[in-house]
Amino acid sequence: MHEYRVLDSEIIHRGWAYDLTAETVAMPGGGSARREFIAHIGAVVAVPLDEQGRVGLIRQFRVPPKELMWELPAGIRDIPDEDPADCARRELAEEADLQAADMVKLGEFFTSPGISNELIHYFLATGLSPVPEAERHERTDEETHIELVWWDFDKALAAVADGEIRNGVCALALSLAKLHLGK
């Protein structure tokens, strides 16, 4: 097996949650290739599932696609050394005003490994209760108008299939949760 060694690495741009990086890598046959990619700090996503089997989705404006998107509570791992499950709990509280008694890991997956090393940790959040009003996170910017809506789980999966839910992380999270619940 060929060893794809990094011969050179350069940060082209530093961002708030990622760096645009260029690396030259040794390729089979003696050559090398330069590849640019997003070096990302990583993220988490939580699938809140209530006692009636409904899934809590949020609707949030996303700047890159310029649209309001149905999503799950999620966020970047911006606190150094924070456990992914703790980060998922924090994001659930910040974006959905919910706390979970149980957080089950569903897996971890790269979002788009051809252009980014972003690794997302997926969790199923159950045993839900509201965050006390006095402890709620103050939302700003595009998070200001986040609204939590409870969906029938099968309706949410159908919304992935018919294109109403277009966020790939959300689609995978719902599928992973369905597989986990079907065990």
N, C-alpha and C. Protein backbone atom coordinates (compact mmCIF):
# COMPACT_ATOMS: atom_id res chain seq x y z
N MET A 1 0.86 -1.19 0.00
CA MET A 1 0.00 0.00 0.00
C MET A 1 0.89 1.24 0.00
N HIS A 2 0.56 2.18 -0.83
CA HIS A 2 1.32 3.43 -0.92
C HIS A 2 1.13 4.28 0.33
N GLU A 3 2.20 4.92 0.79
CA GLU A 3 2.11 5.84 1.93
C GLU A 3 1.90 7.26 1.39
N TYR A 4 0.72 7.81 1.64
CA TYR A 4 0.39 9.17 1.18
C TYR A 4 0.93 10.16 2.20
N ARG A 5 2.24 10.43 2.13
CA ARG A 5 2.89 11.34 3.07
C ARG A 5 2.64 12.79 2.68
N VAL A 6 2.44 13.63 3.70
CA VAL A 6 2.33 15.06 3.48
C VAL A 6 3.74 15.62 3.36
N LEU A 7 4.03 16.20 2.21
CA LEU A 7 5.36 16.75 1.94
C LEU A 7 5.46 18.21 2.32
N ASP A 8 4.34 18.90 2.25
CA ASP A 8 4.32 20.33 2.56
C ASP A 8 2.90 20.72 2.96
N SER A 9 2.78 21.64 3.91
CA SER A 9 1.47 22.10 4.36
C SER A 9 1.52 23.60 4.59
N GLU A 10 0.49 24.28 4.07
CA GLU A 10 0.43 25.74 4.18
C GLU A 10 -1.00 26.17 4.50
N ILE A 11 -1.15 27.05 5.47
CA ILE A 11 -2.46 27.62 5.76
C ILE A 11 -2.62 28.86 4.88
N ILE A 12 -3.59 28.81 3.99
CA ILE A 12 -3.83 29.89 3.03
C ILE A 12 -4.69 30.98 3.66
N HIS A 13 -5.65 30.56 4.48
CA HIS A 13 -6.57 31.50 5.13
C HIS A 13 -7.00 30.94 6.48
N ARG A 14 -7.03 31.79 7.50
CA ARG A 14 -7.55 31.38 8.81
C ARG A 14 -8.98 31.91 8.94
N GLY A 15 -9.88 31.03 9.29
CA GLY A 15 -11.29 31.40 9.47
C GLY A 15 -11.71 31.23 10.91
N TRP A 16 -12.98 31.50 11.17
CA TRP A 16 -13.50 31.44 12.54
C TRP A 16 -13.68 30.01 13.04
N ALA A 17 -13.91 29.05 12.15
CA ALA A 17 -14.08 27.66 12.56
C ALA A 17 -13.30 26.70 11.66
N TYR A 18 -12.53 27.24 10.77
CA TYR A 18 -11.80 26.42 9.81
C TYR A 18 -10.61 27.21 9.28
N ASP A 19 -9.69 26.48 8.70
CA ASP A 19 -8.61 27.09 7.94
C ASP A 19 -8.66 26.53 6.53
N LEU A 20 -8.36 27.34 5.54
CA LEU A 20 -8.19 26.84 4.18
C LEU A 20 -6.72 26.45 4.09
N THR A 21 -6.48 25.17 3.88
CA THR A 21 -5.15 24.60 3.93
C THR A 21 -4.79 24.01 2.57
N ALA A 22 -3.51 24.12 2.21
CA ALA A 22 -3.00 23.47 1.00
C ALA A 22 -1.90 22.52 1.43
N GLU A 23 -2.00 21.28 0.98
CA GLU A 23 -0.97 20.30 1.29
C GLU A 23 -0.50 19.64 0.01
N THR A 24 0.79 19.37 -0.04
CA THR A 24 1.38 18.60 -1.13
C THR A 24 1.60 17.20 -0.57
N VAL A 25 1.06 16.20 -1.29
CA VAL A 25 1.06 14.82 -0.82
C VAL A 25 1.76 13.93 -1.84
N ALA A 26 2.58 13.00 -1.33
CA ALA A 26 3.25 12.02 -2.19
C ALA A 26 2.21 11.07 -2.78
N MET A 27 2.23 10.95 -4.10
CA MET A 27 1.28 10.09 -4.80
C MET A 27 1.96 8.84 -5.33
N PRO A 28 1.17 7.80 -5.63
CA PRO A 28 1.74 6.59 -6.20
C PRO A 28 2.50 6.89 -7.50
N GLY A 29 3.56 6.18 -7.74
CA GLY A 29 4.33 6.38 -8.96
C GLY A 29 5.43 7.42 -8.82
N GLY A 30 5.61 7.99 -7.64
CA GLY A 30 6.70 8.93 -7.42
C GLY A 30 6.36 10.39 -7.55
N GLY A 31 5.17 10.70 -8.00
CA GLY A 31 4.79 12.11 -8.13
C GLY A 31 4.18 12.66 -6.84
N SER A 32 3.75 13.90 -6.93
CA SER A 32 3.06 14.54 -5.80
C SER A 32 1.92 15.39 -6.35
N ALA A 33 1.00 15.73 -5.47
CA ALA A 33 -0.14 16.57 -5.87
C ALA A 33 -0.46 17.54 -4.73
N ARG A 34 -0.81 18.76 -5.11
CA ARG A 34 -1.21 19.77 -4.14
C ARG A 34 -2.74 19.75 -4.06
N ARG A 35 -3.26 19.69 -2.84
CA ARG A 35 -4.70 19.67 -2.61
C ARG A 35 -5.05 20.74 -1.59
N GLU A 36 -6.06 21.53 -1.91
CA GLU A 36 -6.58 22.53 -0.97
C GLU A 36 -7.82 21.95 -0.32
N PHE A 37 -7.95 22.20 0.99
CA PHE A 37 -9.11 21.70 1.70
C PHE A 37 -9.39 22.56 2.91
N ILE A 38 -10.57 22.38 3.47
CA ILE A 38 -10.98 23.09 4.67
C ILE A 38 -10.61 22.22 5.87
N ALA A 39 -9.71 22.75 6.71
CA ALA A 39 -9.35 22.08 7.96
C ALA A 39 -10.30 22.63 9.02
N HIS A 40 -11.26 21.82 9.42
CA HIS A 40 -12.39 22.24 10.25
C HIS A 40 -12.22 21.76 11.69
N ILE A 41 -12.74 22.51 12.65
CA ILE A 41 -12.61 22.14 14.07
C ILE A 41 -13.57 21.01 14.48
N GLY A 42 -14.50 20.65 13.63
CA GLY A 42 -15.43 19.57 13.94
C GLY A 42 -16.74 20.08 14.49
N ALA A 43 -17.72 19.19 14.55
CA ALA A 43 -19.06 19.59 14.95
C ALA A 43 -19.81 18.41 15.57
N VAL A 44 -20.99 18.73 16.08
CA VAL A 44 -21.88 17.73 16.66
C VAL A 44 -23.30 18.01 16.17
N VAL A 45 -24.15 16.98 16.25
CA VAL A 45 -25.57 17.15 15.97
C VAL A 45 -26.35 16.26 16.94
N ALA A 46 -27.46 16.79 17.41
CA ALA A 46 -28.33 16.04 18.33
C ALA A 46 -29.70 15.85 17.69
N VAL A 47 -30.22 14.64 17.78
CA VAL A 47 -31.56 14.33 17.31
C VAL A 47 -32.46 14.27 18.55
N PRO A 48 -33.20 15.35 18.85
CA PRO A 48 -34.07 15.32 20.02
C PRO A 48 -35.34 14.51 19.72
N LEU A 49 -35.57 13.49 20.52
CA LEU A 49 -36.71 12.61 20.33
C LEU A 49 -37.54 12.63 21.61
N ASP A 50 -38.81 13.07 21.49
CA ASP A 50 -39.64 13.18 22.70
C ASP A 50 -40.33 11.84 23.01
N GLU A 51 -41.11 11.83 24.09
CA GLU A 51 -41.74 10.59 24.55
C GLU A 51 -42.82 10.08 23.59
N GLN A 52 -43.32 10.97 22.71
CA GLN A 52 -44.32 10.55 21.71
C GLN A 52 -43.66 10.05 20.43
N GLY A 53 -42.32 10.03 20.40
CA GLY A 53 -41.60 9.57 19.21
C GLY A 53 -41.47 10.64 18.15
N ARG A 54 -41.70 11.90 18.52
CA ARG A 54 -41.54 13.01 17.57
C ARG A 54 -40.11 13.52 17.63
N VAL A 55 -39.66 14.07 16.52
CA VAL A 55 -38.31 14.63 16.43
C VAL A 55 -38.41 16.16 16.41
N GLY A 56 -37.54 16.81 17.16
CA GLY A 56 -37.53 18.27 17.22
C GLY A 56 -36.60 18.84 16.16
N LEU A 57 -37.18 19.54 15.21
CA LEU A 57 -36.39 20.19 14.15
C LEU A 57 -36.43 21.70 14.36
N ILE A 58 -35.36 22.35 13.95
CA ILE A 58 -35.32 23.80 13.99
C ILE A 58 -35.22 24.31 12.56
N ARG A 59 -35.68 25.54 12.38
CA ARG A 59 -35.57 26.18 11.06
C ARG A 59 -34.64 27.36 11.23
N GLN A 60 -33.61 27.42 10.40
CA GLN A 60 -32.59 28.45 10.55
C GLN A 60 -32.11 28.91 9.18
N PHE A 61 -31.84 30.22 9.07
CA PHE A 61 -31.30 30.77 7.82
C PHE A 61 -29.83 30.39 7.73
N ARG A 62 -29.42 29.93 6.57
CA ARG A 62 -28.03 29.58 6.31
C ARG A 62 -27.49 30.47 5.20
N VAL A 63 -26.40 31.15 5.49
CA VAL A 63 -25.84 32.13 4.56
C VAL A 63 -25.35 31.49 3.26
N PRO A 64 -24.53 30.41 3.27
CA PRO A 64 -24.04 29.90 1.98
C PRO A 64 -25.14 29.54 0.98
N PRO A 65 -26.19 28.76 1.35
CA PRO A 65 -27.22 28.47 0.36
C PRO A 65 -28.29 29.57 0.24
N LYS A 66 -28.25 30.55 1.16
CA LYS A 66 -29.21 31.67 1.15
C LYS A 66 -30.65 31.20 1.30
N GLU A 67 -30.86 30.29 2.26
CA GLU A 67 -32.23 29.83 2.48
C GLU A 67 -32.45 29.41 3.93
N LEU A 68 -33.72 29.43 4.29
CA LEU A 68 -34.14 28.87 5.58
C LEU A 68 -34.13 27.36 5.43
N MET A 69 -33.52 26.68 6.36
CA MET A 69 -33.40 25.23 6.25
C MET A 69 -33.92 24.55 7.51
N TRP A 70 -34.57 23.41 7.30
CA TRP A 70 -34.93 22.55 8.43
C TRP A 70 -33.68 21.79 8.83
N GLU A 71 -33.38 21.82 10.12
CA GLU A 71 -32.16 21.21 10.63
C GLU A 71 -32.43 20.61 12.00
N LEU A 72 -31.42 20.01 12.56
CA LEU A 72 -31.42 19.54 13.94
C LEU A 72 -30.48 20.43 14.73
N PRO A 73 -30.65 20.51 16.04
CA PRO A 73 -29.71 21.28 16.84
C PRO A 73 -28.28 20.75 16.63
N ALA A 74 -27.39 21.64 16.28
CA ALA A 74 -26.02 21.24 15.94
C ALA A 74 -25.10 22.43 16.11
N GLY A 75 -23.82 22.15 16.15
CA GLY A 75 -22.87 23.25 16.24
C GLY A 75 -21.44 22.77 16.22
N ILE A 76 -20.55 23.73 16.17
CA ILE A 76 -19.13 23.42 16.07
C ILE A 76 -18.54 23.11 17.45
N ARG A 77 -17.45 22.40 17.43
CA ARG A 77 -16.73 22.04 18.66
C ARG A 77 -15.71 23.14 18.97
N ASP A 78 -16.24 24.28 19.42
CA ASP A 78 -15.41 25.47 19.59
C ASP A 78 -14.85 25.64 21.00
N ILE A 79 -15.08 24.68 21.88
CA ILE A 79 -14.47 24.71 23.21
C ILE A 79 -13.41 23.61 23.23
N PRO A 80 -12.14 24.00 23.36
CA PRO A 80 -11.05 23.00 23.31
C PRO A 80 -11.26 21.86 24.32
N ASP A 81 -11.04 20.64 23.85
CA ASP A 81 -11.10 19.42 24.66
C ASP A 81 -12.49 19.10 25.22
N GLU A 82 -13.54 19.79 24.74
CA GLU A 82 -14.89 19.47 25.20
C GLU A 82 -15.30 18.12 24.63
N ASP A 83 -15.85 17.27 25.48
CA ASP A 83 -16.35 15.98 25.04
C ASP A 83 -17.47 16.19 24.02
N PRO A 84 -17.48 15.43 22.92
CA PRO A 84 -18.52 15.61 21.91
C PRO A 84 -19.95 15.52 22.47
N ALA A 85 -20.20 14.60 23.40
CA ALA A 85 -21.55 14.49 23.97
C ALA A 85 -21.90 15.74 24.77
N ASP A 86 -20.94 16.30 25.49
CA ASP A 86 -21.18 17.54 26.23
C ASP A 86 -21.44 18.70 25.27
N CYS A 87 -20.73 18.72 24.16
CA CYS A 87 -20.95 19.75 23.14
C CYS A 87 -22.36 19.61 22.56
N ALA A 88 -22.78 18.38 22.30
CA ALA A 88 -24.13 18.14 21.76
C ALA A 88 -25.19 18.60 22.76
N ARG A 89 -24.96 18.34 24.04
CA ARG A 89 -25.89 18.81 25.08
C ARG A 89 -25.96 20.33 25.08
N ARG A 90 -24.81 20.97 24.96
CA ARG A 90 -24.76 22.43 24.96
C ARG A 90 -25.50 22.99 23.75
N GLU A 91 -25.29 22.42 22.58
CA GLU A 91 -25.96 22.90 21.38
C GLU A 91 -27.47 22.67 21.46
N LEU A 92 -27.88 21.55 22.02
CA LEU A 92 -29.31 21.27 22.21
C LEU A 92 -29.94 22.33 23.10
N ALA A 93 -29.25 22.69 24.16
CA ALA A 93 -29.75 23.73 25.07
C ALA A 93 -29.77 25.10 24.41
N GLU A 94 -28.69 25.43 23.68
CA GLU A 94 -28.58 26.75 23.06
C GLU A 94 -29.58 26.96 21.94
N GLU A 95 -29.82 25.94 21.13
CA GLU A 95 -30.64 26.11 19.93
C GLU A 95 -32.09 25.66 20.10
N ALA A 96 -32.36 24.76 21.04
CA ALA A 96 -33.71 24.23 21.18
C ALA A 96 -34.28 24.40 22.59
N ASP A 97 -33.50 25.00 23.49
CA ASP A 97 -33.93 25.19 24.88
C ASP A 97 -34.33 23.87 25.53
N LEU A 98 -33.59 22.81 25.20
CA LEU A 98 -33.87 21.48 25.74
C LEU A 98 -32.64 20.90 26.41
N GLN A 99 -32.89 20.10 27.44
CA GLN A 99 -31.82 19.31 28.05
C GLN A 99 -32.22 17.84 27.93
N ALA A 100 -31.22 16.99 27.81
CA ALA A 100 -31.47 15.56 27.61
C ALA A 100 -30.91 14.76 28.77
N ALA A 101 -31.70 13.83 29.28
CA ALA A 101 -31.23 12.92 30.32
C ALA A 101 -30.28 11.89 29.72
N ASP A 102 -30.54 11.52 28.45
CA ASP A 102 -29.72 10.50 27.78
C ASP A 102 -29.24 10.99 26.44
N MET A 103 -27.97 10.72 26.15
CA MET A 103 -27.36 11.10 24.88
C MET A 103 -26.63 9.85 24.37
N VAL A 104 -27.15 9.24 23.30
CA VAL A 104 -26.58 8.02 22.74
C VAL A 104 -25.84 8.36 21.45
N LYS A 105 -24.59 7.94 21.37
CA LYS A 105 -23.81 8.21 20.16
C LYS A 105 -24.29 7.31 19.02
N LEU A 106 -24.57 7.95 17.88
CA LEU A 106 -25.03 7.23 16.69
C LEU A 106 -23.91 6.99 15.69
N GLY A 107 -22.81 7.71 15.85
CA GLY A 107 -21.67 7.55 14.94
C GLY A 107 -20.97 8.88 14.73
N GLU A 108 -19.93 8.83 13.91
CA GLU A 108 -19.21 10.04 13.53
C GLU A 108 -18.80 9.90 12.07
N PHE A 109 -19.04 10.95 11.30
CA PHE A 109 -18.84 10.88 9.86
C PHE A 109 -18.26 12.18 9.33
N PHE A 110 -17.44 12.06 8.27
CA PHE A 110 -16.92 13.22 7.57
C PHE A 110 -18.01 13.75 6.65
N THR A 111 -18.18 15.08 6.63
CA THR A 111 -19.26 15.67 5.83
C THR A 111 -18.96 15.62 4.34
N SER A 112 -17.77 15.97 3.94
CA SER A 112 -17.41 16.02 2.53
C SER A 112 -15.90 15.82 2.41
N PRO A 113 -15.42 14.57 2.54
CA PRO A 113 -14.00 14.31 2.67
C PRO A 113 -13.14 14.68 1.47
N GLY A 114 -13.75 15.01 0.35
CA GLY A 114 -12.97 15.46 -0.80
C GLY A 114 -12.50 16.90 -0.66
N ILE A 115 -13.19 17.68 0.19
CA ILE A 115 -12.82 19.09 0.33
C ILE A 115 -12.66 19.55 1.77
N SER A 116 -12.95 18.65 2.74
CA SER A 116 -12.90 19.08 4.14
C SER A 116 -12.62 17.89 5.05
N ASN A 117 -11.97 18.17 6.19
CA ASN A 117 -11.79 17.12 7.20
C ASN A 117 -12.80 17.26 8.32
N GLU A 118 -13.89 18.02 8.10
CA GLU A 118 -14.91 18.21 9.12
C GLU A 118 -15.49 16.86 9.53
N LEU A 119 -15.39 16.56 10.82
CA LEU A 119 -15.92 15.33 11.39
C LEU A 119 -17.07 15.70 12.31
N ILE A 120 -18.24 15.13 12.05
CA ILE A 120 -19.42 15.42 12.87
C ILE A 120 -19.77 14.20 13.70
N HIS A 121 -20.00 14.43 14.99
CA HIS A 121 -20.43 13.40 15.93
C HIS A 121 -21.95 13.49 16.04
N TYR A 122 -22.64 12.35 15.84
CA TYR A 122 -24.10 12.29 15.82
C TYR A 122 -24.61 11.64 17.10
N PHE A 123 -25.66 12.26 17.69
CA PHE A 123 -26.22 11.77 18.95
C PHE A 123 -27.74 11.74 18.89
N LEU A 124 -28.32 10.78 19.60
CA LEU A 124 -29.76 10.73 19.83
C LEU A 124 -30.00 11.23 21.25
N ALA A 125 -30.81 12.26 21.39
CA ALA A 125 -31.09 12.89 22.69
C ALA A 125 -32.50 12.51 23.13
N THR A 126 -32.60 11.86 24.29
CA THR A 126 -33.90 11.47 24.83
C THR A 126 -33.99 11.87 26.30
N GLY A 127 -35.16 11.64 26.88
CA GLY A 127 -35.38 12.08 28.25
C GLY A 127 -35.33 13.59 28.33
N LEU A 128 -36.06 14.22 27.41
CA LEU A 128 -35.97 15.68 27.23
C LEU A 128 -36.79 16.44 28.25
N SER A 129 -36.28 17.61 28.60
CA SER A 129 -37.00 18.56 29.45
C SER A 129 -36.55 19.96 29.05
N PRO A 130 -37.38 20.97 29.33
CA PRO A 130 -37.00 22.33 28.94
C PRO A 130 -35.88 22.88 29.83
N VAL A 131 -35.03 23.69 29.22
CA VAL A 131 -34.03 24.44 29.98
C VAL A 131 -34.79 25.51 30.75
N PRO A 132 -34.54 25.66 32.05
CA PRO A 132 -35.24 26.72 32.81
C PRO A 132 -35.03 28.09 32.15
N GLU A 133 -36.10 28.87 32.14
CA GLU A 133 -36.10 30.19 31.47
C GLU A 133 -34.88 31.03 31.84
N ALA A 134 -34.52 31.08 33.10
CA ALA A 134 -33.41 31.93 33.56
C ALA A 134 -32.05 31.44 33.07
N GLU A 135 -31.97 30.18 32.61
CA GLU A 135 -30.69 29.61 32.17
C GLU A 135 -30.57 29.53 30.65
N ARG A 136 -31.54 30.06 29.94
CA ARG A 136 -31.53 29.93 28.47
C ARG A 136 -30.47 30.81 27.82
N HIS A 137 -29.93 30.30 26.76
CA HIS A 137 -28.91 30.97 25.96
C HIS A 137 -29.54 32.14 25.20
N GLU A 138 -28.86 33.27 25.16
CA GLU A 138 -29.35 34.41 24.39
C GLU A 138 -28.85 34.26 22.95
N ARG A 139 -29.79 34.10 22.04
CA ARG A 139 -29.43 33.89 20.63
C ARG A 139 -29.21 35.21 19.92
N THR A 140 -28.24 35.22 19.00
CA THR A 140 -27.93 36.41 18.21
C THR A 140 -27.82 36.02 16.73
N ASP A 141 -27.72 37.04 15.91
CA ASP A 141 -27.54 36.87 14.47
C ASP A 141 -28.59 35.93 13.87
N GLU A 142 -28.16 34.98 13.03
CA GLU A 142 -29.14 34.12 12.36
C GLU A 142 -29.83 33.16 13.33
N GLU A 143 -29.29 33.01 14.54
CA GLU A 143 -29.93 32.15 15.54
C GLU A 143 -31.10 32.83 16.24
N THR A 144 -31.24 34.15 16.07
CA THR A 144 -32.25 34.93 16.78
C THR A 144 -33.66 34.36 16.58
N HIS A 145 -33.96 33.93 15.37
CA HIS A 145 -35.33 33.51 15.05
C HIS A 145 -35.49 31.99 14.94
N ILE A 146 -34.57 31.24 15.55
CA ILE A 146 -34.72 29.78 15.54
C ILE A 146 -36.03 29.41 16.23
N GLU A 147 -36.75 28.51 15.59
CA GLU A 147 -38.00 28.01 16.15
C GLU A 147 -37.93 26.49 16.18
N LEU A 148 -38.28 25.89 17.31
CA LEU A 148 -38.34 24.44 17.44
C LEU A 148 -39.73 23.97 17.04
N VAL A 149 -39.77 22.99 16.13
CA VAL A 149 -41.04 22.41 15.68
C VAL A 149 -40.93 20.89 15.83
N TRP A 150 -41.95 20.30 16.45
CA TRP A 150 -41.97 18.85 16.63
C TRP A 150 -42.62 18.18 15.43
N TRP A 151 -41.91 17.26 14.82
CA TRP A 151 -42.37 16.54 13.63
C TRP A 151 -42.59 15.07 13.97
N ASP A 152 -43.59 14.49 13.35
CA ASP A 152 -43.71 13.05 13.34
C ASP A 152 -42.44 12.49 12.70
N PHE A 153 -41.82 11.49 13.31
CA PHE A 153 -40.53 10.99 12.82
C PHE A 153 -40.61 10.53 11.37
N ASP A 154 -41.65 9.78 11.03
CA ASP A 154 -41.77 9.30 9.65
C ASP A 154 -42.01 10.45 8.67
N LYS A 155 -42.71 11.50 9.11
CA LYS A 155 -42.91 12.68 8.25
C LYS A 155 -41.57 13.37 7.99
N ALA A 156 -40.71 13.42 9.01
CA ALA A 156 -39.40 14.03 8.82
C ALA A 156 -38.57 13.23 7.82
N LEU A 157 -38.60 11.91 7.92
CA LEU A 157 -37.87 11.08 6.95
C LEU A 157 -38.43 11.26 5.54
N ALA A 158 -39.75 11.36 5.43
CA ALA A 158 -40.37 11.59 4.12
C ALA A 158 -39.96 12.96 3.58
N ALA A 159 -39.79 13.95 4.46
CA ALA A 159 -39.38 15.29 4.04
C ALA A 159 -37.95 15.29 3.50
N VAL A 160 -37.13 14.34 3.95
CA VAL A 160 -35.79 14.18 3.37
C VAL A 160 -35.95 13.65 1.95
N ALA A 161 -36.76 12.62 1.78
CA ALA A 161 -36.94 12.00 0.47
C ALA A 161 -37.55 12.94 -0.55
N ASP A 162 -38.47 13.83 -0.11
CA ASP A 162 -39.12 14.72 -1.08
C ASP A 162 -38.42 16.08 -1.22
N GLY A 163 -37.30 16.27 -0.52
CA GLY A 163 -36.51 17.49 -0.70
C GLY A 163 -36.89 18.66 0.18
N GLU A 164 -37.84 18.49 1.08
CA GLU A 164 -38.18 19.59 1.99
C GLU A 164 -37.06 19.79 3.01
N ILE A 165 -36.45 18.71 3.46
CA ILE A 165 -35.26 18.79 4.31
C ILE A 165 -34.06 18.57 3.38
N ARG A 166 -33.25 19.63 3.23
CA ARG A 166 -32.14 19.61 2.28
C ARG A 166 -30.77 19.65 2.96
N ASN A 167 -30.74 19.67 4.27
CA ASN A 167 -29.49 19.68 5.00
C ASN A 167 -29.00 18.23 5.11
N GLY A 168 -27.85 17.93 4.52
CA GLY A 168 -27.34 16.57 4.50
C GLY A 168 -27.02 16.01 5.87
N VAL A 169 -26.52 16.84 6.77
CA VAL A 169 -26.22 16.39 8.13
C VAL A 169 -27.51 15.97 8.82
N CYS A 170 -28.56 16.74 8.64
CA CYS A 170 -29.86 16.42 9.21
C CYS A 170 -30.40 15.11 8.62
N ALA A 171 -30.28 14.95 7.32
CA ALA A 171 -30.77 13.74 6.66
C ALA A 171 -30.06 12.50 7.19
N LEU A 172 -28.74 12.58 7.32
CA LEU A 172 -27.99 11.44 7.85
C LEU A 172 -28.35 11.18 9.31
N ALA A 173 -28.48 12.24 10.10
CA ALA A 173 -28.82 12.08 11.52
C ALA A 173 -30.17 11.40 11.69
N LEU A 174 -31.16 11.80 10.91
CA LEU A 174 -32.48 11.17 10.99
C LEU A 174 -32.40 9.70 10.60
N SER A 175 -31.63 9.41 9.56
CA SER A 175 -31.47 8.01 9.12
C SER A 175 -30.76 7.17 10.18
N LEU A 176 -29.71 7.73 10.78
CA LEU A 176 -29.00 7.00 11.83
C LEU A 176 -29.90 6.75 13.04
N ALA A 177 -30.70 7.76 13.40
CA ALA A 177 -31.62 7.59 14.53
C ALA A 177 -32.64 6.51 14.22
N LYS A 178 -33.17 6.50 13.01
CA LYS A 178 -34.15 5.47 12.62
C LYS A 178 -33.53 4.08 12.69
N LEU A 179 -32.29 3.95 12.21
CA LEU A 179 -31.61 2.65 12.28
C LEU A 179 -31.40 2.23 13.73
N HIS A 180 -31.00 3.17 14.57
CA HIS A 180 -30.77 2.86 15.98
C HIS A 180 -32.07 2.42 16.67
N LEU A 181 -33.15 3.15 16.39
CA LEU A 181 -34.43 2.84 17.02
C LEU A 181 -35.00 1.52 16.52
N GLY A 182 -34.61 1.11 15.32
CA GLY A 182 -35.11 -0.14 14.75
C GLY A 182 -34.38 -1.38 15.24
N LYS A 183 -33.30 -1.19 16.01
CA LYS A 183 -32.52 -2.33 16.51
C LYS A 183 -33.30 -3.12 17.55
